[in-house]
Protein backbone atom coordinates (compact mmCIF):
# COMPACT_ATOMS: atom_id res chain seq x y z
CA UNK A 1 101.24 51.40 104.21
CA UNK A 2 103.21 50.76 107.41
CA UNK A 3 106.37 52.72 107.98
CA UNK A 4 109.36 50.71 106.85
CA UNK A 5 111.75 49.54 109.56
CA UNK A 6 115.34 50.63 108.99
CA UNK A 7 117.98 47.84 109.08
CA UNK A 8 120.55 50.02 110.83
CA UNK A 9 120.75 52.92 113.13
CA UNK A 10 120.50 56.28 111.49
CA UNK A 11 124.22 57.16 111.02
CA UNK A 12 125.03 53.64 109.79
CA UNK A 13 122.18 53.64 107.42
CA UNK A 14 123.29 57.07 106.00
CA UNK A 15 126.90 55.91 105.58
CA UNK A 16 125.62 52.92 103.64
CA UNK A 17 123.11 55.00 101.54
CA UNK A 18 125.70 57.58 100.42
CA UNK A 19 128.72 55.21 100.27
CA UNK A 20 128.88 55.19 96.35
CA UNK A 21 128.76 59.06 96.37
CA UNK A 22 132.31 59.05 97.94
CA UNK A 23 134.92 60.62 95.70
CA UNK A 24 132.40 62.41 93.68
CA UNK A 25 130.57 64.30 96.46
CA UNK A 26 132.78 65.51 99.21
CA UNK A 27 132.17 64.83 102.91
CA UNK A 28 131.45 68.61 103.48
CA UNK A 29 129.07 68.55 100.44
CA UNK A 30 127.35 65.52 101.75
CA UNK A 31 127.00 66.91 105.17
CA UNK A 32 125.45 70.07 103.77
CA UNK A 33 122.91 68.12 101.74
CA UNK A 34 122.11 66.01 104.70
CA UNK A 35 121.36 69.09 106.97
CA UNK A 36 119.63 71.24 104.54
CA UNK A 37 115.86 71.85 104.31
CA UNK A 38 114.67 71.77 100.79
CA UNK A 39 111.30 73.03 99.75
CA UNK A 40 109.79 71.40 96.53
CA UNK A 41 107.02 73.67 95.43
CA UNK A 42 105.13 71.36 92.91
CA UNK A 43 105.57 67.69 92.78
CA UNK A 44 104.51 67.01 89.19
CA UNK A 45 106.73 66.61 86.18
CA UNK A 46 109.75 68.76 87.07
CA UNK A 47 109.40 68.89 90.96
CA UNK A 48 108.68 65.06 91.17
CA UNK A 49 111.80 64.24 89.20
CA UNK A 50 114.20 65.94 91.61
CA UNK A 51 112.63 64.56 94.88
CA UNK A 52 113.83 60.99 94.52
CA UNK A 53 117.26 62.07 93.28
CA UNK A 54 117.72 64.38 96.16
CA UNK A 55 116.75 61.61 98.64
CA UNK A 56 118.97 58.99 97.02
CA UNK A 57 121.85 61.57 96.91
CA UNK A 58 121.45 62.08 100.77
CA UNK A 59 118.95 64.84 101.40
CA UNK A 60 117.09 64.11 104.61
CA UNK A 61 114.67 66.96 105.17
CA UNK A 62 112.11 67.92 102.42
CA UNK A 63 109.00 70.05 102.48
CA UNK A 64 106.66 68.86 99.64
CA UNK A 65 103.88 71.14 98.42
CA UNK A 66 101.39 70.30 95.77
CA UNK A 67 97.58 70.37 95.46
CA UNK A 68 97.26 67.78 92.69
CA UNK A 69 96.29 64.16 92.51
CA UNK A 70 97.63 61.64 89.98
CA UNK A 71 95.93 61.16 86.69
CA UNK A 72 96.63 58.39 84.21
CA UNK A 73 97.96 60.88 81.67
CA UNK A 74 100.75 61.80 84.17
CA UNK A 75 102.35 58.27 83.84
CA UNK A 76 104.42 59.24 80.75
CA UNK A 77 106.71 61.57 82.76
CA UNK A 78 105.91 61.29 86.65
CA UNK A 79 106.87 58.91 89.20
CA UNK A 80 103.68 57.07 89.56
CA UNK A 81 102.08 53.77 88.86
CA UNK A 82 98.44 52.85 87.88
CA UNK A 83 97.52 52.14 91.53
CA UNK A 84 98.54 55.81 92.34
CA UNK A 85 95.67 57.28 90.17
CA UNK A 86 93.44 59.48 92.17
CA UNK A 87 96.01 59.71 95.13
CA UNK A 88 97.53 62.89 96.47
CA UNK A 89 101.10 63.55 94.91
CA UNK A 90 102.59 64.54 98.21
CA UNK A 91 101.26 61.43 100.00
CA UNK A 92 102.49 59.16 97.24
CA UNK A 93 105.97 60.74 97.37
CA UNK A 94 106.06 60.64 101.11
CA UNK A 95 105.43 56.88 100.97
CA UNK A 96 107.89 56.40 98.28
CA UNK A 97 110.84 58.13 99.77
CA UNK A 98 110.31 56.63 103.14
CA UNK A 99 110.97 53.40 101.37
CA UNK A 100 114.24 54.71 100.21
CA UNK A 101 115.25 56.48 103.61
CA UNK A 102 113.19 55.60 106.63
CA UNK A 103 114.90 58.36 108.59
CA UNK A 104 113.75 61.13 106.26
CA UNK A 105 111.94 64.18 107.68
CA UNK A 106 108.91 65.33 105.69
CA UNK A 107 106.56 68.19 105.96
CA UNK A 108 103.54 67.73 103.59
CA UNK A 109 101.23 70.50 102.26
CA UNK A 110 98.43 68.91 100.20
CA UNK A 111 97.03 72.38 99.33
CA UNK A 112 100.20 73.36 97.50
CA UNK A 113 101.68 76.79 97.87
CA UNK A 114 99.17 79.15 99.33
CA UNK A 115 99.19 82.71 100.68
CA UNK A 116 98.84 81.33 104.08
CA UNK A 117 101.66 78.62 104.17
CA UNK A 118 104.29 80.21 101.89
CA UNK A 119 105.97 82.45 104.46
CA UNK A 120 106.45 79.66 106.97
CA UNK A 121 107.62 77.13 104.39
CA UNK A 122 110.22 79.44 102.81
CA UNK A 123 111.38 80.44 106.29
CA UNK A 124 112.34 76.98 106.95
CA UNK A 125 113.95 76.26 103.72
CA UNK A 126 117.65 76.65 102.78
CA UNK A 127 116.85 76.33 99.04
CA UNK A 128 113.63 76.23 97.11
CA UNK A 129 112.63 74.36 94.05
CA UNK A 130 110.08 76.18 91.94
CA UNK A 131 108.28 73.54 89.99
CA UNK A 132 104.74 75.15 90.05
CA UNK A 133 102.62 74.34 87.28
CA UNK A 134 102.04 77.60 85.44
CA UNK A 135 99.76 76.50 82.67
CA UNK A 136 96.79 78.03 84.79
CA UNK A 137 96.54 81.54 86.21
CA UNK A 138 96.40 80.28 89.83
CA UNK A 139 99.71 78.60 89.37
CA UNK A 140 101.26 81.62 87.84
CA UNK A 141 100.09 83.65 90.79
CA UNK A 142 101.50 81.24 93.38
CA UNK A 143 104.74 81.18 91.47
CA UNK A 144 105.01 84.94 91.65
CA UNK A 145 104.13 84.95 95.29
CA UNK A 146 106.73 82.18 96.06
CA UNK A 147 109.46 84.31 94.41
CA UNK A 148 108.35 87.39 96.13
CA UNK A 149 108.58 85.74 99.56
CA UNK A 150 111.91 83.96 98.63
CA UNK A 151 113.24 87.35 97.55
CA UNK A 152 112.17 88.92 100.77
CA UNK A 153 113.66 86.14 102.77
CA UNK A 154 116.95 85.84 100.80
CA UNK A 155 116.49 82.25 99.73
CA UNK A 156 117.89 80.83 96.42
CA UNK A 157 115.37 79.38 94.02
CA UNK A 158 115.90 76.70 91.21
CA UNK A 159 113.22 76.67 88.48
CA UNK A 160 112.39 74.35 85.72
CA UNK A 161 110.60 74.64 82.45
CA UNK A 162 110.34 71.57 80.32
CA UNK A 163 109.56 72.12 76.60
CA UNK A 164 109.43 69.21 74.20
CA UNK A 165 112.77 67.51 74.83
CA UNK A 166 114.33 70.52 76.22
CA UNK A 167 114.86 71.82 79.81
CA UNK A 168 115.44 75.39 80.73
CA UNK A 169 116.58 75.85 84.40
CA UNK A 170 117.10 79.52 85.65
CA UNK A 171 118.50 80.04 89.18
CA UNK A 172 117.36 83.04 91.08
CA UNK A 173 119.85 83.46 94.01
CA UNK A 174 117.98 85.91 96.20
CA UNK A 175 120.78 85.80 98.73
CA UNK A 176 121.86 88.70 96.54
CA UNK A 177 119.86 91.54 98.07
CA UNK A 178 119.89 93.40 94.70
CA UNK A 179 118.03 90.81 92.81
CA UNK A 180 114.50 91.77 92.05
CA UNK A 181 111.55 89.23 92.04
CA UNK A 182 112.02 87.04 89.02
CA UNK A 183 114.98 89.37 88.05
CA UNK A 184 112.09 91.89 86.81
CA UNK A 185 111.33 89.56 83.87
CA UNK A 186 107.61 89.62 84.89
CA UNK A 187 105.64 92.11 86.76
CA UNK A 188 102.68 91.65 89.18
CA UNK A 189 100.38 93.39 86.65
CA UNK A 190 101.59 91.02 83.81
CA UNK A 191 100.81 87.96 86.04
CA UNK A 192 97.30 89.43 86.47
CA UNK A 193 96.61 90.14 82.84
CA UNK A 194 98.57 87.99 80.64
CA UNK A 195 97.68 84.51 79.34
CA UNK A 196 99.81 82.11 81.59
CA UNK A 197 101.61 80.67 78.56
CA UNK A 198 102.12 84.20 77.24
CA UNK A 199 103.63 85.05 80.57
CA UNK A 200 106.10 82.12 80.21
CA UNK A 201 107.36 83.80 77.09
CA UNK A 202 108.71 86.58 79.33
CA UNK A 203 110.42 84.22 81.72
CA UNK A 204 112.10 81.94 79.07
CA UNK A 205 114.59 83.37 76.70
CA UNK A 206 113.58 83.13 73.09
CA UNK A 207 116.76 81.29 72.10
CA UNK A 208 115.79 78.57 74.65
CA UNK A 209 112.42 77.81 73.04
CA UNK A 210 112.79 74.77 70.79
CA UNK A 211 111.11 74.63 67.43
CA UNK A 212 108.67 71.98 68.55
CA UNK A 213 107.20 74.39 71.19
CA UNK A 214 105.98 76.82 68.55
CA UNK A 215 103.51 74.35 67.14
CA UNK A 216 102.43 73.55 70.78
CA UNK A 217 101.77 77.22 71.39
CA UNK A 218 99.57 77.32 68.16
CA UNK A 219 97.64 74.44 69.54
CA UNK A 220 97.23 76.28 72.85
CA UNK A 221 95.97 79.36 71.10
CA UNK A 222 93.52 77.12 69.12
CA UNK A 223 91.95 75.98 72.39
CA UNK A 224 93.99 73.03 73.44
CA UNK A 225 93.27 72.53 77.19
CA UNK A 226 96.39 70.70 78.23
CA UNK A 227 100.05 71.05 77.55
CA UNK A 228 102.14 68.18 76.08
CA UNK A 229 105.25 67.15 78.09
CA UNK A 230 107.81 64.43 77.76
CA UNK A 231 109.44 62.35 80.48
CA UNK A 232 112.90 62.75 78.94
CA UNK A 233 112.64 66.61 79.66
CA UNK A 234 111.09 66.33 83.04
CA UNK A 235 113.64 63.79 84.33
CA UNK A 236 116.55 65.93 82.84
CA UNK A 237 115.47 68.60 85.46
CA UNK A 238 115.89 66.15 88.30
CA UNK A 239 119.53 65.53 87.31
CA UNK A 240 120.51 69.03 86.67
CA UNK A 241 118.55 70.51 89.61
CA UNK A 242 119.98 68.04 92.17
CA UNK A 243 123.56 69.01 91.11
CA UNK A 244 122.68 72.75 91.22
CA UNK A 245 121.25 72.30 94.76
CA UNK A 246 124.32 70.66 95.99
CA UNK A 247 126.49 73.44 94.70
CA UNK A 248 124.13 76.11 95.96
CA UNK A 249 124.04 74.59 99.49
CA UNK A 250 127.93 74.55 99.49
CA UNK A 251 128.73 78.05 98.28
CA UNK A 252 129.91 77.21 94.71
CA UNK A 253 129.62 79.68 91.87
CA UNK A 254 127.12 78.31 89.36
CA UNK A 255 125.56 79.39 86.15
CA UNK A 256 122.51 81.73 86.33
CA UNK A 257 120.72 79.32 83.94
CA UNK A 258 121.23 75.94 82.36
CA UNK A 259 119.63 74.84 79.05
CA UNK A 260 119.80 71.39 77.56
CA UNK A 261 117.85 70.23 74.43
CA UNK A 262 118.20 66.45 74.14
CA UNK A 263 117.05 66.25 70.52
CA UNK A 264 119.59 69.06 69.59
CA UNK A 265 122.26 66.91 71.28
CA UNK A 266 121.61 63.65 69.59
CA UNK A 267 120.09 64.45 66.14
CA UNK A 268 121.94 65.29 62.96
CA UNK A 269 120.74 67.44 60.23
CA UNK A 270 122.30 67.99 56.87
CA UNK A 271 122.89 71.46 55.54
CA UNK A 272 119.55 71.79 53.82
CA UNK A 273 117.59 70.50 56.73
CA UNK A 274 119.56 72.91 59.09
CA UNK A 275 118.63 75.79 56.90
CA UNK A 276 115.04 74.84 56.92
CA UNK A 277 115.17 74.37 60.73
CA UNK A 278 116.56 77.79 61.29
CA UNK A 279 114.08 79.38 58.88
CA UNK A 280 111.17 77.85 60.82
CA UNK A 281 112.75 78.72 64.08
CA UNK A 282 113.05 82.41 63.08
CA UNK A 283 109.41 82.41 61.99
CA UNK A 284 108.37 80.99 65.24
CA UNK A 285 110.37 83.72 67.08
CA UNK A 286 108.89 86.48 65.19
CA UNK A 287 105.45 85.11 66.03
CA UNK A 288 106.35 84.82 69.68
CA UNK A 289 107.63 88.40 69.62
CA UNK A 290 104.17 89.60 68.25
CA UNK A 291 102.27 87.51 70.76
CA UNK A 292 104.24 89.17 73.57
CA UNK A 293 103.16 92.66 72.19
CA UNK A 294 99.47 91.94 72.48
CA UNK A 295 97.67 94.33 74.81
CA UNK A 296 97.01 92.95 78.19
CA UNK A 297 93.48 91.99 79.37
CA UNK A 298 91.82 93.12 82.39
CA UNK A 299 92.95 91.68 85.68
CA UNK A 300 91.26 88.30 86.51
CA UNK A 301 88.07 88.76 88.44
CA UNK A 302 88.60 85.68 90.56
CA UNK A 303 91.91 86.56 92.04
CA UNK A 304 90.56 87.30 95.53
CA UNK A 305 88.34 84.17 95.45
CA UNK A 306 91.43 82.12 94.88
CA UNK A 307 93.36 83.95 97.42
CA UNK A 308 91.05 83.36 100.44
CA UNK A 309 89.94 79.90 99.37
CA UNK A 310 91.99 77.76 101.97
CA UNK A 311 92.37 80.38 104.56
CA UNK A 312 92.02 79.46 108.27
CA UNK A 313 92.76 81.90 111.23
CA UNK A 314 96.36 81.08 112.22
CA UNK A 315 97.83 79.92 115.46
CA UNK A 316 100.14 82.68 116.50
CA UNK A 317 102.52 80.60 118.79
CA UNK A 318 105.26 83.28 118.19
CA UNK A 319 103.18 85.68 120.43
CA UNK A 320 104.42 83.74 123.50
CA UNK A 321 107.75 85.72 123.17
CA UNK A 322 105.81 88.99 123.53
CA UNK A 323 104.42 88.50 127.08
CA UNK A 324 105.62 92.03 128.11
CA UNK A 325 102.86 93.39 125.78
CA UNK A 326 100.04 91.28 127.09
CA UNK A 327 97.62 93.81 128.63
CA UNK A 328 94.66 91.59 129.58
CA UNK A 329 93.85 87.85 130.26
CA UNK A 330 90.31 86.88 130.74
CA UNK A 331 87.66 84.41 129.57
CA UNK A 332 90.38 82.10 128.13
CA UNK A 333 91.59 85.06 125.79
CA UNK A 334 94.90 86.92 125.87
CA UNK A 335 95.04 90.38 124.60
CA UNK A 336 98.29 91.97 123.25
CA UNK A 337 99.03 95.60 122.25
CA UNK A 338 102.37 95.61 120.37
CA UNK A 339 103.95 98.51 118.64
CA UNK A 340 104.53 97.89 115.05
CA UNK A 341 108.25 98.50 115.33
CA UNK A 342 108.51 95.76 118.05
CA UNK A 343 106.65 93.11 116.15
CA UNK A 344 108.40 90.46 113.84
CA UNK A 345 107.52 90.97 110.19
CA UNK A 346 106.26 87.39 109.75
CA UNK A 347 103.74 87.88 112.54
CA UNK A 348 102.82 91.38 111.22
CA UNK A 349 102.08 89.76 107.86
CA UNK A 350 99.86 87.12 109.25
CA UNK A 351 97.87 89.88 111.02
CA UNK A 352 97.48 91.85 107.76
CA UNK A 353 96.53 88.71 105.98
CA UNK A 354 93.79 87.95 108.54
CA UNK A 355 92.36 91.53 108.11
CA UNK A 356 92.72 91.25 104.30
CA UNK A 357 90.71 88.07 104.12
CA UNK A 358 88.08 89.55 106.18
CA UNK A 359 87.88 92.65 104.05
CA UNK A 360 87.88 90.56 100.94
CA UNK A 361 84.86 88.48 102.31
CA UNK A 362 82.73 91.43 103.15
CA UNK A 363 83.46 93.14 99.77
CA UNK A 364 85.73 96.01 100.99
CA UNK A 365 88.66 95.17 98.61
CA UNK A 366 88.82 96.39 94.93
CA UNK A 367 89.42 93.21 93.26
CA UNK A 368 91.11 94.66 90.20
CA UNK A 369 93.56 96.62 92.31
CA UNK A 370 94.39 93.52 94.41
CA UNK A 371 94.84 91.43 91.29
CA UNK A 372 96.98 93.89 89.29
CA UNK A 373 99.30 94.29 92.38
CA UNK A 374 99.06 90.63 93.29
CA UNK A 375 98.11 91.40 96.92
CA UNK A 376 97.18 88.80 99.35
CA UNK A 377 97.55 91.12 102.40
CA UNK A 378 97.85 94.83 102.99
CA UNK A 379 101.49 95.76 102.36
CA UNK A 380 103.74 96.35 105.32
CA UNK A 381 104.64 99.86 104.27
CA UNK A 382 100.95 100.96 104.88
CA UNK A 383 101.80 100.59 108.70
CA UNK A 384 103.59 103.39 110.62
CA UNK A 385 106.32 102.38 112.96
CA UNK A 386 104.34 103.60 116.09
CA UNK A 387 101.02 101.92 115.08
CA UNK A 388 99.93 99.60 117.75
CA UNK A 389 98.58 96.07 116.89
CA UNK A 390 95.82 94.94 119.15
CA UNK A 391 95.85 91.11 118.93
CA UNK A 392 93.47 88.65 120.66
CA UNK A 393 94.24 85.03 120.70
CA UNK A 394 92.68 81.98 122.53
CA UNK A 395 95.10 81.19 125.31
CA UNK A 396 94.78 77.44 124.95
CA UNK A 397 96.25 77.22 121.43
CA UNK A 398 97.07 80.90 120.56
CA UNK A 399 94.54 80.89 117.70
CA UNK A 400 93.95 84.45 116.44
CA UNK A 401 90.46 85.63 117.39
CA UNK A 402 90.40 89.36 116.69
CA UNK A 403 92.65 92.14 115.34
CA UNK A 404 92.72 95.85 115.03
CA UNK A 405 95.19 98.73 114.93
CA UNK A 406 95.50 101.90 116.81
CA UNK A 407 96.97 104.35 114.29
CA UNK A 408 100.06 106.19 115.38
CA UNK A 409 100.03 110.08 115.66
CA UNK A 410 100.09 111.49 111.98
CA UNK A 411 102.34 114.49 113.08
CA UNK A 412 103.77 116.26 116.00
CA UNK A 413 103.85 119.86 116.93
CA UNK A 414 100.79 120.94 114.98
CA UNK A 415 97.20 121.74 115.92
CA UNK A 416 94.26 119.79 114.56
CA UNK A 417 93.08 122.72 112.73
CA UNK A 418 96.49 123.51 111.05
CA UNK A 419 95.76 123.14 107.23
CA UNK A 420 99.42 122.02 106.63
CA UNK A 421 99.10 118.83 108.80
CA UNK A 422 98.91 115.45 107.21
CA UNK A 423 95.47 114.03 106.59
CA UNK A 424 93.95 111.18 108.64
CA UNK A 425 92.81 108.14 106.60
CA UNK A 426 89.22 109.07 107.18
CA UNK A 427 89.95 112.62 105.76
CA UNK A 428 91.54 110.97 102.71
CA UNK A 429 88.43 109.16 102.25
CA UNK A 430 85.78 111.90 102.87
CA UNK A 431 87.59 115.08 102.29
CA UNK A 432 90.02 117.35 104.25
CA UNK A 433 87.12 119.62 105.41
CA UNK A 434 85.36 116.68 107.27
CA UNK A 435 86.07 117.74 110.68
CA UNK A 436 86.32 121.56 110.09
CA UNK A 437 83.09 122.37 112.03
CA UNK A 438 83.82 120.25 115.07
CA UNK A 439 85.00 122.82 117.67
CA UNK A 440 86.00 120.14 120.21
CA UNK A 441 88.80 119.01 117.97
CA UNK A 442 90.13 122.11 116.48
CA UNK A 443 92.51 123.33 119.33
CA UNK A 444 93.90 119.84 120.06
CA UNK A 445 97.60 119.06 119.34
CA UNK A 446 97.27 116.58 116.40
CA UNK A 447 99.47 114.04 118.37
CA UNK A 448 96.55 113.84 120.89
CA UNK A 449 94.16 112.46 118.22
CA UNK A 450 94.20 108.77 117.05
CA UNK A 451 92.39 106.99 114.26
CA UNK A 452 90.81 103.81 115.02
CA UNK A 453 91.54 100.88 112.70
CA UNK A 454 88.92 98.41 111.60
CA UNK A 455 88.19 95.47 113.73
CA UNK A 456 88.38 92.04 112.17
CA UNK A 457 87.24 88.89 113.90
CA UNK A 458 87.52 85.13 113.22
CA UNK A 459 84.52 82.95 112.67
CA UNK A 460 85.22 80.02 114.94
CA UNK A 461 81.79 78.58 115.51
CA UNK A 462 81.74 79.56 119.25
CA UNK A 463 79.27 82.45 119.81
CA UNK A 464 80.30 83.07 123.29
CA UNK A 465 84.06 83.23 122.49
CA UNK A 466 83.51 85.35 119.40
CA UNK A 467 81.31 87.85 121.26
CA UNK A 468 83.83 88.03 124.28
CA UNK A 469 86.65 88.66 121.74
CA UNK A 470 84.94 91.58 120.24
CA UNK A 471 84.13 93.11 123.72
CA UNK A 472 87.69 92.49 124.88
CA UNK A 473 89.12 94.36 121.87
CA UNK A 474 87.03 97.37 122.64
CA UNK A 475 88.14 97.10 126.22
CA UNK A 476 91.73 97.12 124.94
CA UNK A 477 91.04 100.46 123.24
CA UNK A 478 89.98 101.92 126.55
CA UNK A 479 92.85 100.34 128.56
CA UNK A 480 95.34 101.88 126.08
CA UNK A 481 93.81 105.31 125.52
CA UNK A 482 92.69 106.12 129.07
CA UNK A 483 95.76 105.01 131.07
CA UNK A 484 97.51 107.49 133.25
CA UNK A 485 100.46 107.94 130.82
CA UNK A 486 98.23 108.42 127.73
CA UNK A 487 98.09 111.82 126.21
CA UNK A 488 95.22 110.90 123.68
CA UNK A 489 92.15 113.16 123.97
CA UNK A 490 90.12 112.12 120.97
CA UNK A 491 89.58 109.51 118.20
CA UNK A 492 88.43 109.74 114.60
CA UNK A 493 87.33 107.11 112.16
CA UNK A 494 84.47 105.82 110.03
CA UNK A 495 82.13 102.95 110.05
CA UNK A 496 78.68 101.60 109.31
CA UNK A 497 75.91 102.40 111.87
CA UNK A 498 74.93 98.90 112.84
CA UNK A 499 78.48 97.52 113.02
CA UNK A 500 81.46 99.66 114.16
CA UNK A 501 79.37 102.55 115.46
CA UNK A 502 76.96 100.52 117.29
CA UNK A 503 79.66 98.49 118.90
CA UNK A 504 81.58 101.61 120.05
CA UNK A 505 78.35 102.99 121.48
CA UNK A 506 77.56 99.76 123.18
CA UNK A 507 80.79 99.82 125.02
CA UNK A 508 80.37 103.48 126.22
CA UNK A 509 82.61 105.34 123.81
CA UNK A 510 79.81 107.62 122.69
CA UNK A 511 80.80 108.14 119.08
CA UNK A 512 79.53 111.37 117.60
CA UNK A 513 78.15 110.14 114.19
CA UNK A 514 78.28 112.57 111.31
CA UNK A 515 75.86 112.55 108.52
CA UNK A 516 76.85 110.20 105.64
CA UNK A 517 78.71 111.82 102.78
CA UNK A 518 80.07 110.62 99.43
CA UNK A 519 83.64 109.33 99.67
CA UNK A 520 86.38 111.11 97.61
CA UNK A 521 88.63 108.17 97.74
CA UNK A 522 89.99 107.30 94.25
CA UNK A 523 88.57 104.32 92.33
CA UNK A 524 92.05 102.82 92.04
CA UNK A 525 92.47 102.74 95.79
CA UNK A 526 92.76 99.11 97.27
CA UNK A 527 89.79 99.82 99.67
CA UNK A 528 87.67 101.95 97.33
CA UNK A 529 84.91 99.29 97.42
CA UNK A 530 84.58 99.91 101.13
CA UNK A 531 82.79 103.18 100.37
CA UNK A 532 80.96 102.27 97.18
CA UNK A 533 77.19 101.52 97.58
CA UNK A 534 77.52 101.58 101.37
CA UNK A 535 76.28 104.07 103.98
CA UNK A 536 79.51 104.76 105.76
CA UNK A 537 79.52 107.50 108.41
CA UNK A 538 82.53 109.38 109.75
CA UNK A 539 82.68 109.80 113.43
CA UNK A 540 84.72 111.37 116.29
CA UNK A 541 84.70 111.03 119.99
CA UNK A 542 86.32 112.78 123.04
CA UNK A 543 87.80 110.38 125.61
CA UNK A 544 86.68 112.58 128.39
CA UNK A 545 83.13 111.81 127.29
CA UNK A 546 83.42 108.01 127.82
CA UNK A 547 80.56 106.61 129.87
CA UNK A 548 82.67 104.80 132.47
CA UNK A 549 79.63 103.43 134.26
CA UNK A 550 78.60 101.88 130.90
CA UNK A 551 82.15 100.50 130.46
CA UNK A 552 82.04 98.87 133.93
CA UNK A 553 78.61 97.29 133.14
CA UNK A 554 79.85 95.77 129.95
CA UNK A 555 83.15 94.63 131.44
CA UNK A 556 81.13 92.84 134.03
CA UNK A 557 79.35 90.82 131.41
CA UNK A 558 82.60 89.39 130.18
CA UNK A 559 82.78 87.42 133.49
CA UNK A 560 79.57 85.63 132.73
CA UNK A 561 79.36 82.19 131.05
CA UNK A 562 77.37 80.30 128.41
CA UNK A 563 73.69 81.13 127.99
CA UNK A 564 73.55 83.57 130.79
CA UNK A 565 76.27 85.71 129.17
CA UNK A 566 74.46 85.57 125.58
CA UNK A 567 71.14 86.44 127.28
CA UNK A 568 72.43 89.45 129.18
CA UNK A 569 74.54 90.50 126.20
CA UNK A 570 71.34 90.63 124.12
CA UNK A 571 69.53 92.58 126.73
CA UNK A 572 72.32 95.18 126.98
CA UNK A 573 72.37 95.67 123.22
CA UNK A 574 68.76 96.48 123.09
CA UNK A 575 69.31 100.22 123.74
CA UNK A 576 72.61 101.68 122.44
CA UNK A 577 72.12 105.26 121.50
CA UNK A 578 74.26 106.93 118.82
CA UNK A 579 74.90 110.66 118.96
CA UNK A 580 74.64 112.61 115.82
CA UNK A 581 77.32 115.30 115.60
CA UNK A 582 77.35 118.62 113.91
């Protein structure tokens, strides 16, 4: 459908659109609503009911996120018509609200809320509507993630739960820095282990569950594969949420939760009927309390699969403000080396997400641990302030190509052989005695030893660019560690012979590969699977042993193009010796 042509210029149109609000919505409130960015996460029953009311009230910038398409059974409560069946909800709403206000600004996310778009969406928003469908586990996971991000970014969230003819609307004003995720009503482990409907019983106060929902819960437990919903409850959310949003945007004090049961408002019961109603209600509440006490199930085995489903390597346009940390520009690739304390947290999370997805795809991640903690990326707290992010992007569009970390010194003022020094990560995995027999390391100050982080690369379908990205990342290690002001003398780490170790040797680093040994890393560690059923070798290397002639040879290959580059690269990889240490 073609874009409607506005009959007036923007300001004239807006004055006419909102004219009948005058006297009930103040000029300041109207201005606040017009300028606000509102994220609607879920555009079905509840979320869909608020979109049109917000637009008619004067909202002009919406972010719509929903991964669903209309089905005919949605018609009893959602803003659709028969011709919309099979169409994307966000696209239908975009078309509809542009017919109301042709000047409206929309951002559409047809995959819904995902681990890869939620940070950016929330960052733009002034207020968030959480209308994510939580009748399935994936929806519950995304709900929890949305609130975790909103809490971290101090954004208020309006939620909706329709039940029979009732609507329960809690408001989580995360502008209060002391407010925990979901106000501690539901933990990450509960999200991973509870039936989604059971999880909702922790989010909705028992006194707000109408009698009719207890029969619905019984039907759910008996195997009913859908949840009954009424339009009178869904559309009630639109009315109440719109009013709450206007007040939130304009700094008014509002209730922490609103509850309205239409049937309770309009229906009369005589004394006998009321006693019977209360008796049945109490029986339902007791059954609900018992259900809540059931032992949790094991974490869902498909959490990681859902987490990485729509992942694409991001465009890191924000890196353009870090030009002082660019250490190399070759072959259409820019290489950055940025200390962790200098890097914006949103960019850091994108890098950790990139690595996490790679680890998940190759089986390094313990799926139960990731699920029970609802982790879609390695937590920021796993990084030290002085860790260095090595980031490679394609210069043309800033697409992330490769990433690794150079770990910060684990201590200062201690020798490597000091039994009181903190352990390196590789020692945590393989035992503190790992390097005890390596004489070349023992007398080094521990701050002169670094641990190499694992390399992760994007699969972009360009073998030349992918290969050069890997080589330039290794080159970055050399540039950082061998520069005149570097005090680093040695590196430690672990890897598989034909991957990490072969690549280091290929570039001239001469890793001393130690015999494989059983890992001592606990099973509940996030990366325990990295060491289970795999032959992972610890290694060490002295920087004064780097083969600089070899480095120069490989650096020269980077300047070649196309098939010539690939051919000479294959030849160079034919003979890459590995050195077996003591």
